[in-house]
């Protein structure tokens, strides 16, 4: 079985809104509704689990009803960190060791079905996969406001989501992180690497942006218009 785990625990402080950003609308559709609809439409996804603040469970239900999301299996309460939120999602339903879990940030609404399929196929073959895009800017290492060196960018990539794993592999990585008292990892790939795992890199795309600021929402409206025209 293959499951999409959507992490939607953000509170949207930078959005200056009373609602978390995942419920704000882009082209009339709630931000989280975009990825929910993508996963709902894919035969490769058997079920969906969402993490968010417990007080927002009713809003998740409302969005699911509005867009006929029949694959939603559970809502899990988000934790104080992304790592804990993911752990809660990994414990929300009775997974099997051989299941594939695809972990995705709700703040990336425009993930494509092609990227999802590529991640699933790579995870089935290699045990773990994650989405990356090339870095176009020159990268500098800075200490105390002074440039120390520039870093060659040829082998550097910017991480996106989804990140996709065989369930037994990512559960072992989370367990090992707890043993090492690591609780604030910014993504699940770092936990897997900490546990000695290997991760296949999958190509992302420029539409798969992360919504963080009001300016991002303006860009998202443009992307949404292009997608809906297609």
Foldseek 3Di string as FASTA:
>chain_A
DEEEEEEQAAQQPQAPDNRGQQQDDFVRARLLLLVLLQLQPDPVHQAYEYEYAPVCPVVVVVNCVVNVRPRYDYYFYADPAPLRRVVRRLVTDDDDQQYKYWYAYSQQRPFHPVQVVVQVVQCNVFFKAFEWEFDDDWAFDDDPRHTDGIDDRPPPTDTHDTIMGRSNQLVVLSVVCVVVVNDHDPDSVVSSVVVVGDYHYDYGDPSRDGDRHPVVSVVPNVSVVVVVVD
